[in-house]
Amino acid sequence: MSRLRITRLNNRIDLSCFPLPETIGIFPLHASPSGKGVPIFPPSWSRSFSSGRSSTWACIALAGTGRIPESLIQAVGPSETLLFASAYDEFLLESRLTGLFREHTGKETSLSGGLVSFDGRGMLILGESGLGKTTCALELVKRGYRWIADDVVVARKRSGGRIYGSNWNPEFPLLEIKGRGIVRAEQVLDRSAILAESRIDCFVELVEEEGMGQGTERGHPLRTLDILETPVYGRSLPVTGDAVGMASKVDTSIRAMTGMGRNH
């Protein structure tokens, strides 16, 4: 598993002529000919997937489709090459597969939530969809925090046992804003307010008020979150009031947990 590679393919020629062992080849279906009656994957390609070859693809992943063309199934035939299809485009599929395999080998993991930072300390904002994680993060940016990720945080363990978090797509960071949909982070935030990564020091979990249980009193951590065998402390906060008020509660809670000063 640790030797498995993932690569994007630009066209069908790469797929048929340059098979790589122990590699997942991601092929965008939109790069295929669409002429009526023209097979996307000719039967002659079966030679490329001969089970007797030592250099056949480990897997072919079709991006941007929900089905595997019959012509590819026939071309692969009885070889050991695996096939699957995904609605993700080739770039998102590559990112997600890379994250999954790194998580499997213990090098990194993906977390569902947002990540902001202040004074070198990173804070995860967790919670179910619709509770205002993105809105809260944007309000915190107005208070001097810096934004790293929305929705998906990629966590990695560095030397010394510290956990760092980054955007799953640092070269093209996106966030989803209610009423606007998915937009580039730079359309909403100043470049200076965006960080590539941050240490993860604590978390706040937004919950509906009726979901609060015992042990969640003000100033007391609710629990620890295990990230790559490293405990990260945090607590739950009930979602009440408007976005500004909720951001204030989160800010106060984060400062209490990390010992940050109150100079802004």
C-alpha atoms as a PDB file:
ATOM      1  CA  MET A   1       0.000   0.000   0.000  1.00  0.00           C
ATOM      2  CA  SER A   2       2.797   2.439   0.827  1.00  0.00           C
ATOM      3  CA  ARG A   3       4.210   2.019  -2.693  1.00  0.00           C
ATOM      4  CA  LEU A   4       0.960   2.805  -4.474  1.00  0.00           C
ATOM      5  CA  ARG A   5       1.037   5.919  -6.652  1.00  0.00           C
ATOM      6  CA  ILE A   6      -1.744   8.087  -8.046  1.00  0.00           C
ATOM      7  CA  THR A   7      -1.403   9.964 -11.317  1.00  0.00           C
ATOM      8  CA  ARG A   8      -3.689  11.966 -13.615  1.00  0.00           C
ATOM      9  CA  LEU A   9      -3.780  11.060 -17.305  1.00  0.00           C
ATOM     10  CA  ASN A  10      -4.265  13.612 -20.076  1.00  0.00           C
ATOM     11  CA  ASN A  11      -5.525  11.369 -22.850  1.00  0.00           C
ATOM     12  CA  ARG A  12      -6.243   7.804 -23.918  1.00  0.00           C
ATOM     13  CA  ILE A  13      -2.766   7.317 -25.370  1.00  0.00           C
ATOM     14  CA  ASP A  14      -1.237   7.651 -21.904  1.00  0.00           C
ATOM     15  CA  LEU A  15      -3.685   5.058 -20.648  1.00  0.00           C
ATOM     16  CA  SER A  16      -2.938   2.485 -23.338  1.00  0.00           C
ATOM     17  CA  CYS A  17       0.758   3.040 -23.994  1.00  0.00           C
ATOM     18  CA  PHE A  18       2.226   3.892 -20.616  1.00  0.00           C
ATOM     19  CA  PRO A  19       0.779   1.495 -18.030  1.00  0.00           C
ATOM     20  CA  LEU A  20       2.449   1.834 -14.638  1.00  0.00           C
ATOM     21  CA  PRO A  21       2.482  -0.940 -12.032  1.00  0.00           C
ATOM     22  CA  GLU A  22       1.244  -0.166  -8.530  1.00  0.00           C
ATOM     23  CA  THR A  23      -0.396   2.985  -9.855  1.00  0.00           C
ATOM     24  CA  ILE A  24      -3.944   4.320  -9.973  1.00  0.00           C
ATOM     25  CA  GLY A  25      -4.421   6.135 -13.260  1.00  0.00           C
ATOM     26  CA  ILE A  26      -7.133   8.824 -13.114  1.00  0.00           C
ATOM     27  CA  PHE A  27      -8.678   9.360 -16.531  1.00  0.00           C
ATOM     28  CA  PRO A  28     -11.133  12.255 -17.190  1.00  0.00           C
ATOM     29  CA  LEU A  29     -13.928  10.893 -19.342  1.00  0.00           C
ATOM     30  CA  HIS A  30     -14.363  14.293 -21.036  1.00  0.00           C
ATOM     31  CA  ALA A  31     -11.002  13.668 -22.744  1.00  0.00           C
ATOM     32  CA  SER A  32     -12.572  10.807 -24.709  1.00  0.00           C
ATOM     33  CA  PRO A  33     -13.981  11.040 -28.263  1.00  0.00           C
ATOM     34  CA  SER A  34     -17.735  11.508 -28.277  1.00  0.00           C
ATOM     35  CA  GLY A  35     -18.482  10.539 -31.888  1.00  0.00           C
ATOM     36  CA  LYS A  36     -21.504   8.323 -32.257  1.00  0.00           C
ATOM     37  CA  GLY A  37     -20.565   4.697 -32.641  1.00  0.00           C
ATOM     38  CA  VAL A  38     -16.904   5.317 -31.774  1.00  0.00           C
ATOM     39  CA  PRO A  39     -15.794   3.082 -28.886  1.00  0.00           C
ATOM     40  CA  ILE A  40     -14.052   5.095 -26.191  1.00  0.00           C
ATOM     41  CA  PHE A  41     -11.707   2.198 -25.457  1.00  0.00           C
ATOM     42  CA  PRO A  42     -11.012   0.045 -28.572  1.00  0.00           C
ATOM     43  CA  PRO A  43     -10.886  -3.763 -28.186  1.00  0.00           C
ATOM     44  CA  SER A  44      -7.279  -3.672 -29.430  1.00  0.00           C
ATOM     45  CA  TRP A  45      -6.337  -2.173 -26.067  1.00  0.00           C
ATOM     46  CA  SER A  46      -6.790  -5.569 -24.459  1.00  0.00           C
ATOM     47  CA  ARG A  47      -3.095  -6.219 -25.142  1.00  0.00           C
ATOM     48  CA  SER A  48      -2.223  -3.354 -22.777  1.00  0.00           C
ATOM     49  CA  PHE A  49      -4.021  -5.109 -19.939  1.00  0.00           C
ATOM     50  CA  SER A  50      -2.823  -8.647 -20.562  1.00  0.00           C
ATOM     51  CA  SER A  51      -2.670 -10.503 -17.266  1.00  0.00           C
ATOM     52  CA  GLY A  52       0.751 -11.806 -18.301  1.00  0.00           C
ATOM     53  CA  ARG A  53       2.278  -8.311 -18.341  1.00  0.00           C
ATOM     54  CA  SER A  54       4.186  -7.157 -15.275  1.00  0.00           C
ATOM     55  CA  SER A  55       3.576  -3.470 -15.998  1.00  0.00           C
ATOM     56  CA  THR A  56      -0.194  -3.240 -16.049  1.00  0.00           C
ATOM     57  CA  TRP A  57      -2.170  -0.584 -14.187  1.00  0.00           C
ATOM     58  CA  ALA A  58      -3.192  -1.465 -10.640  1.00  0.00           C
ATOM     59  CA  CYS A  59      -6.400   0.524 -11.093  1.00  0.00           C
ATOM     60  CA  ILE A  60      -8.064   2.882 -13.565  1.00  0.00           C
ATOM     61  CA  ALA A  61     -10.332   5.518 -12.050  1.00  0.00           C
ATOM     62  CA  LEU A  62     -12.729   7.320 -14.380  1.00  0.00           C
ATOM     63  CA  ALA A  63     -13.431  10.890 -13.291  1.00  0.00           C
ATOM     64  CA  GLY A  64     -16.594  12.861 -14.001  1.00  0.00           C
ATOM     65  CA  THR A  65     -18.908   9.915 -14.579  1.00  0.00           C
ATOM     66  CA  GLY A  66     -21.103   7.535 -12.672  1.00  0.00           C
ATOM     67  CA  ARG A  67     -20.550   4.523 -14.924  1.00  0.00           C
ATOM     68  CA  ILE A  68     -17.757   2.507 -16.495  1.00  0.00           C
ATOM     69  CA  PRO A  69     -18.041   2.231 -20.309  1.00  0.00           C
ATOM     70  CA  GLU A  70     -18.608  -1.304 -21.551  1.00  0.00           C
ATOM     71  CA  SER A  71     -15.755  -0.870 -24.030  1.00  0.00           C
ATOM     72  CA  LEU A  72     -13.275  -0.363 -21.172  1.00  0.00           C
ATOM     73  CA  ILE A  73     -14.609  -3.383 -19.299  1.00  0.00           C
ATOM     74  CA  GLN A  74     -14.078  -5.465 -22.428  1.00  0.00           C
ATOM     75  CA  ALA A  75     -10.611  -3.991 -23.054  1.00  0.00           C
ATOM     76  CA  VAL A  76      -9.455  -4.755 -19.519  1.00  0.00           C
ATOM     77  CA  GLY A  77     -10.929  -8.237 -19.801  1.00  0.00           C
ATOM     78  CA  PRO A  78      -9.553 -10.841 -17.396  1.00  0.00           C
ATOM     79  CA  SER A  79      -6.564  -8.729 -16.329  1.00  0.00           C
ATOM     80  CA  GLU A  80      -5.976  -7.808 -12.699  1.00  0.00           C
ATOM     81  CA  THR A  81      -6.548  -4.088 -13.367  1.00  0.00           C
ATOM     82  CA  LEU A  82      -9.350  -2.739 -11.167  1.00  0.00           C
ATOM     83  CA  LEU A  83     -11.890  -0.209 -12.442  1.00  0.00           C
ATOM     84  CA  PHE A  84     -14.088   2.340 -10.733  1.00  0.00           C
ATOM     85  CA  ALA A  85     -15.952   5.531 -11.623  1.00  0.00           C
ATOM     86  CA  SER A  86     -16.462   8.742  -9.664  1.00  0.00           C
ATOM     87  CA  ALA A  87     -18.571  11.859 -10.166  1.00  0.00           C
ATOM     88  CA  TYR A  88     -15.606  13.954  -8.916  1.00  0.00           C
ATOM     89  CA  ASP A  89     -13.491  15.700 -11.532  1.00  0.00           C
ATOM     90  CA  GLU A  90      -9.922  14.457 -12.001  1.00  0.00           C
ATOM     91  CA  PHE A  91      -8.383  17.071  -9.696  1.00  0.00           C
ATOM     92  CA  LEU A  92     -10.758  16.531  -6.782  1.00  0.00           C
ATOM     93  CA  LEU A  93     -10.594  12.758  -7.220  1.00  0.00           C
ATOM     94  CA  GLU A  94      -6.790  12.827  -7.129  1.00  0.00           C
ATOM     95  CA  SER A  95      -6.840  14.902  -3.952  1.00  0.00           C
ATOM     96  CA  ARG A  96      -9.373  12.711  -2.180  1.00  0.00           C
ATOM     97  CA  LEU A  97      -7.661   9.445  -3.140  1.00  0.00           C
ATOM     98  CA  THR A  98      -4.286  10.780  -2.044  1.00  0.00           C
ATOM     99  CA  GLY A  99      -5.767  11.794   1.300  1.00  0.00           C
ATOM    100  CA  LEU A 100      -7.386   8.391   1.810  1.00  0.00           C
ATOM    101  CA  PHE A 101      -4.190   6.466   1.129  1.00  0.00           C
ATOM    102  CA  ARG A 102      -2.061   8.720   3.295  1.00  0.00           C
ATOM    103  CA  GLU A 103      -4.610   8.280   6.065  1.00  0.00           C
ATOM    104  CA  HIS A 104      -4.439   4.519   5.633  1.00  0.00           C
ATOM    105  CA  THR A 105      -0.660   4.534   5.955  1.00  0.00           C
ATOM    106  CA  GLY A 106      -0.818   6.781   9.026  1.00  0.00           C
ATOM    107  CA  LYS A 107       0.776   9.824   7.432  1.00  0.00           C
ATOM    108  CA  GLU A 108      -2.297  12.045   7.482  1.00  0.00           C
ATOM    109  CA  THR A 109      -6.036  12.104   7.969  1.00  0.00           C
ATOM    110  CA  SER A 110      -8.974  14.222   6.840  1.00  0.00           C
ATOM    111  CA  LEU A 111     -11.263  15.983   9.298  1.00  0.00           C
ATOM    112  CA  SER A 112     -14.720  17.367   8.604  1.00  0.00           C
ATOM    113  CA  GLY A 113     -14.705  20.959   9.814  1.00  0.00           C
ATOM    114  CA  GLY A 114     -13.014  24.333   9.473  1.00  0.00           C
ATOM    115  CA  LEU A 115      -9.660  25.599  10.688  1.00  0.00           C
ATOM    116  CA  VAL A 116      -8.650  29.111  11.775  1.00  0.00           C
ATOM    117  CA  SER A 117      -5.534  30.419  13.498  1.00  0.00           C
ATOM    118  CA  PHE A 118      -4.529  33.255  15.783  1.00  0.00           C
ATOM    119  CA  ASP A 119      -1.035  34.047  17.020  1.00  0.00           C
ATOM    120  CA  GLY A 120       0.302  30.729  15.713  1.00  0.00           C
ATOM    121  CA  ARG A 121      -2.376  28.608  17.370  1.00  0.00           C
ATOM    122  CA  GLY A 122      -4.843  26.651  15.264  1.00  0.00           C
ATOM    123  CA  MET A 123      -8.443  25.913  16.208  1.00  0.00           C
ATOM    124  CA  LEU A 124     -10.731  23.385  14.565  1.00  0.00           C
ATOM    125  CA  ILE A 125     -14.390  24.368  14.271  1.00  0.00           C
ATOM    126  CA  LEU A 126     -16.473  21.197  14.192  1.00  0.00           C
ATOM    127  CA  GLY A 127     -20.200  20.537  14.026  1.00  0.00           C
ATOM    128  CA  GLU A 128     -22.957  19.192  11.853  1.00  0.00           C
ATOM    129  CA  SER A 129     -23.789  20.790   8.521  1.00  0.00           C
ATOM    130  CA  GLY A 130     -25.923  23.912   8.763  1.00  0.00           C
ATOM    131  CA  LEU A 131     -24.831  25.001  12.244  1.00  0.00           C
ATOM    132  CA  GLY A 132     -22.772  27.934  10.979  1.00  0.00           C
ATOM    133  CA  LYS A 133     -19.147  26.741  11.021  1.00  0.00           C
ATOM    134  CA  THR A 134     -18.210  28.757   7.933  1.00  0.00           C
ATOM    135  CA  THR A 135     -20.052  31.874   9.104  1.00  0.00           C
ATOM    136  CA  CYS A 136     -18.373  31.628  12.491  1.00  0.00           C
ATOM    137  CA  ALA A 137     -14.935  31.281  10.901  1.00  0.00           C
ATOM    138  CA  LEU A 138     -15.485  34.336   8.705  1.00  0.00           C
ATOM    139  CA  GLU A 139     -16.565  36.378  11.729  1.00  0.00           C
ATOM    140  CA  LEU A 140     -13.413  35.292  13.559  1.00  0.00           C
ATOM    141  CA  VAL A 141     -11.321  36.494  10.622  1.00  0.00           C
ATOM    142  CA  LYS A 142     -12.836  39.953  11.176  1.00  0.00           C
ATOM    143  CA  ARG A 143     -11.429  39.748  14.723  1.00  0.00           C
ATOM    144  CA  GLY A 144      -7.885  39.097  13.553  1.00  0.00           C
ATOM    145  CA  TYR A 145      -7.901  35.345  13.033  1.00  0.00           C
ATOM    146  CA  ARG A 146      -6.556  33.830   9.841  1.00  0.00           C
ATOM    147  CA  TRP A 147      -8.415  31.280   7.724  1.00  0.00           C
ATOM    148  CA  ILE A 148      -6.938  27.951   6.633  1.00  0.00           C
ATOM    149  CA  ALA A 149      -9.733  25.595   5.604  1.00  0.00           C
ATOM    150  CA  ASP A 150     -13.470  25.151   5.276  1.00  0.00           C
ATOM    151  CA  ASP A 151     -15.350  21.833   5.318  1.00  0.00           C
ATOM    152  CA  VAL A 152     -12.302  19.533   4.983  1.00  0.00           C
ATOM    153  CA  VAL A 153      -9.068  19.874   6.991  1.00  0.00           C
ATOM    154  CA  VAL A 154      -6.061  17.697   6.146  1.00  0.00           C
ATOM    155  CA  ALA A 155      -4.160  16.900   9.357  1.00  0.00           C
ATOM    156  CA  ARG A 156      -0.528  15.719   9.384  1.00  0.00           C
ATOM    157  CA  LYS A 157       1.750  14.722  12.240  1.00  0.00           C
ATOM    158  CA  ARG A 158       5.149  16.430  12.220  1.00  0.00           C
ATOM    159  CA  SER A 159       8.321  15.578  14.095  1.00  0.00           C
ATOM    160  CA  GLY A 160       7.854  16.090  17.800  1.00  0.00           C
ATOM    161  CA  GLY A 161       4.282  14.832  17.628  1.00  0.00           C
ATOM    162  CA  ARG A 162       2.680  18.161  16.698  1.00  0.00           C
ATOM    163  CA  ILE A 163      -0.417  18.045  14.478  1.00  0.00           C
ATOM    164  CA  TYR A 164      -0.689  20.539  11.621  1.00  0.00           C
ATOM    165  CA  GLY A 165      -3.727  21.226   9.476  1.00  0.00           C
ATOM    166  CA  SER A 166      -4.085  22.557   5.953  1.00  0.00           C
ATOM    167  CA  ASN A 167      -6.629  22.993   3.190  1.00  0.00           C
ATOM    168  CA  TRP A 168      -7.215  19.867   1.109  1.00  0.00           C
ATOM    169  CA  ASN A 169      -6.492  22.001  -1.965  1.00  0.00           C
ATOM    170  CA  PRO A 170      -3.999  24.692  -0.850  1.00  0.00           C
ATOM    171  CA  GLU A 171      -3.362  25.963  -4.385  1.00  0.00           C
ATOM    172  CA  PHE A 172      -7.066  26.638  -4.975  1.00  0.00           C
ATOM    173  CA  PRO A 173      -8.733  27.070  -1.557  1.00  0.00           C
ATOM    174  CA  LEU A 174     -12.519  27.108  -1.608  1.00  0.00           C
ATOM    175  CA  LEU A 175     -15.265  27.802   0.894  1.00  0.00           C
ATOM    176  CA  GLU A 176     -19.026  27.471   0.771  1.00  0.00           C
ATOM    177  CA  ILE A 177     -21.107  30.494   1.716  1.00  0.00           C
ATOM    178  CA  LYS A 178     -24.814  30.266   2.361  1.00  0.00           C
ATOM    179  CA  GLY A 179     -26.688  31.948  -0.483  1.00  0.00           C
ATOM    180  CA  ARG A 180     -23.619  32.140  -2.739  1.00  0.00           C
ATOM    181  CA  GLY A 181     -22.457  28.566  -3.024  1.00  0.00           C
ATOM    182  CA  ILE A 182     -18.816  27.508  -3.392  1.00  0.00           C
ATOM    183  CA  VAL A 183     -16.406  30.369  -4.085  1.00  0.00           C
ATOM    184  CA  ARG A 184     -12.658  30.905  -4.088  1.00  0.00           C
ATOM    185  CA  ALA A 185     -11.425  32.021  -0.682  1.00  0.00           C
ATOM    186  CA  GLU A 186      -9.687  35.023  -2.253  1.00  0.00           C
ATOM    187  CA  GLN A 187     -13.060  36.327  -3.459  1.00  0.00           C
ATOM    188  CA  VAL A 188     -14.171  36.702   0.148  1.00  0.00           C
ATOM    189  CA  LEU A 189     -10.995  37.178   2.177  1.00  0.00           C
ATOM    190  CA  ASP A 190      -7.871  39.290   1.816  1.00  0.00           C
ATOM    191  CA  ARG A 191      -4.811  37.303   0.830  1.00  0.00           C
ATOM    192  CA  SER A 192      -3.198  38.299   4.125  1.00  0.00           C
ATOM    193  CA  ALA A 193      -6.046  36.576   5.996  1.00  0.00           C
ATOM    194  CA  ILE A 194      -5.397  33.201   4.340  1.00  0.00           C
ATOM    195  CA  LEU A 195      -2.827  30.744   5.673  1.00  0.00           C
ATOM    196  CA  ALA A 196      -1.547  27.607   3.952  1.00  0.00           C
ATOM    197  CA  GLU A 197      -1.412  25.647   7.218  1.00  0.00           C
ATOM    198  CA  SER A 198      -1.447  25.953  10.981  1.00  0.00           C
ATOM    199  CA  ARG A 199      -0.699  23.905  14.050  1.00  0.00           C
ATOM    200  CA  ILE A 200      -3.860  22.389  15.544  1.00  0.00           C
ATOM    201  CA  ASP A 201      -4.059  23.210  19.261  1.00  0.00           C
ATOM    202  CA  CYS A 202      -7.726  22.805  20.192  1.00  0.00           C
ATOM    203  CA  PHE A 203     -11.226  22.454  18.827  1.00  0.00           C
ATOM    204  CA  VAL A 204     -14.684  23.872  19.390  1.00  0.00           C
ATOM    205  CA  GLU A 205     -17.696  21.777  18.457  1.00  0.00           C
ATOM    206  CA  LEU A 206     -20.888  23.653  17.584  1.00  0.00           C
ATOM    207  CA  VAL A 207     -23.986  21.743  18.704  1.00  0.00           C
ATOM    208  CA  GLU A 208     -27.683  22.417  18.892  1.00  0.00           C
ATOM    209  CA  GLU A 209     -28.614  23.534  22.391  1.00  0.00           C
ATOM    210  CA  GLU A 210     -30.649  20.440  23.167  1.00  0.00           C
ATOM    211  CA  GLY A 211     -27.598  18.335  22.262  1.00  0.00           C
ATOM    212  CA  MET A 212     -25.561  19.652  25.191  1.00  0.00           C
ATOM    213  CA  GLY A 213     -24.923  17.060  27.855  1.00  0.00           C
ATOM    214  CA  GLN A 214     -23.151  16.817  31.181  1.00  0.00           C
ATOM    215  CA  GLY A 215     -19.611  18.064  31.584  1.00  0.00           C
ATOM    216  CA  THR A 216     -19.893  21.018  29.222  1.00  0.00           C
ATOM    217  CA  GLU A 217     -19.804  23.825  31.744  1.00  0.00           C
ATOM    218  CA  ARG A 218     -18.083  27.047  30.796  1.00  0.00           C
ATOM    219  CA  GLY A 219     -14.307  26.731  30.781  1.00  0.00           C
ATOM    220  CA  HIS A 220     -14.220  22.920  31.048  1.00  0.00           C
ATOM    221  CA  PRO A 221     -13.129  20.779  28.090  1.00  0.00           C
ATOM    222  CA  LEU A 222     -15.853  18.427  26.952  1.00  0.00           C
ATOM    223  CA  ARG A 223     -13.504  15.754  25.640  1.00  0.00           C
ATOM    224  CA  THR A 224     -10.381  15.029  23.683  1.00  0.00           C
ATOM    225  CA  LEU A 225     -10.276  14.371  19.968  1.00  0.00           C
ATOM    226  CA  ASP A 226      -7.776  11.745  18.848  1.00  0.00           C
ATOM    227  CA  ILE A 227      -5.954  12.914  15.710  1.00  0.00           C
ATOM    228  CA  LEU A 228      -3.281  10.517  14.458  1.00  0.00           C
ATOM    229  CA  GLU A 229      -2.903   9.109  17.989  1.00  0.00           C
ATOM    230  CA  THR A 230      -2.443  12.600  19.422  1.00  0.00           C
ATOM    231  CA  PRO A 231      -5.037  14.051  21.854  1.00  0.00           C
ATOM    232  CA  VAL A 232      -6.418  17.504  21.029  1.00  0.00           C
ATOM    233  CA  TYR A 233      -8.561  19.179  23.676  1.00  0.00           C
ATOM    234  CA  GLY A 234     -11.835  20.953  23.040  1.00  0.00           C
ATOM    235  CA  ARG A 235     -15.362  21.582  24.187  1.00  0.00           C
ATOM    236  CA  SER A 236     -18.880  21.952  22.837  1.00  0.00           C
ATOM    237  CA  LEU A 237     -20.773  25.203  22.499  1.00  0.00           C
ATOM    238  CA  PRO A 238     -24.516  25.508  21.943  1.00  0.00           C
ATOM    239  CA  VAL A 239     -25.470  27.467  18.839  1.00  0.00           C
ATOM    240  CA  THR A 240     -27.448  30.488  20.020  1.00  0.00           C
ATOM    241  CA  GLY A 241     -28.042  34.044  18.816  1.00  0.00           C
ATOM    242  CA  ASP A 242     -26.643  35.593  15.654  1.00  0.00           C
ATOM    243  CA  ALA A 243     -23.330  34.954  13.909  1.00  0.00           C
ATOM    244  CA  VAL A 244     -21.554  37.822  15.667  1.00  0.00           C
ATOM    245  CA  GLY A 245     -22.637  36.598  19.095  1.00  0.00           C
ATOM    246  CA  MET A 246     -21.686  33.018  18.257  1.00  0.00           C
ATOM    247  CA  ALA A 247     -18.239  34.110  17.081  1.00  0.00           C
ATOM    248  CA  SER A 248     -17.758  35.958  20.371  1.00  0.00           C
ATOM    249  CA  LYS A 249     -18.554  32.784  22.325  1.00  0.00           C
ATOM    250  CA  VAL A 250     -16.167  30.743  20.211  1.00  0.00           C
ATOM    251  CA  ASP A 251     -13.438  33.384  20.576  1.00  0.00           C
ATOM    252  CA  THR A 252     -13.848  33.436  24.362  1.00  0.00           C
ATOM    253  CA  SER A 253     -13.768  29.648  24.567  1.00  0.00           C
ATOM    254  CA  ILE A 254     -10.673  29.371  22.357  1.00  0.00           C
ATOM    255  CA  ARG A 255      -8.826  31.973  24.421  1.00  0.00           C
ATOM    256  CA  ALA A 256      -9.662  30.145  27.632  1.00  0.00           C
ATOM    257  CA  MET A 257      -8.324  26.866  26.261  1.00  0.00           C
ATOM    258  CA  THR A 258      -5.150  28.240  24.701  1.00  0.00           C
ATOM    259  CA  GLY A 259      -4.316  30.999  27.170  1.00  0.00           C
ATOM    260  CA  MET A 260      -4.253  33.698  24.509  1.00  0.00           C
ATOM    261  CA  GLY A 261      -4.211  37.330  25.602  1.00  0.00           C
ATOM    262  CA  ARG A 262      -7.188  39.608  25.133  1.00  0.00           C
ATOM    263  CA  ASN A 263      -5.543  42.412  23.261  1.00  0.00           C
ATOM    264  CA  HIS A 264      -7.849  42.806  20.297  1.00  0.00           C
END
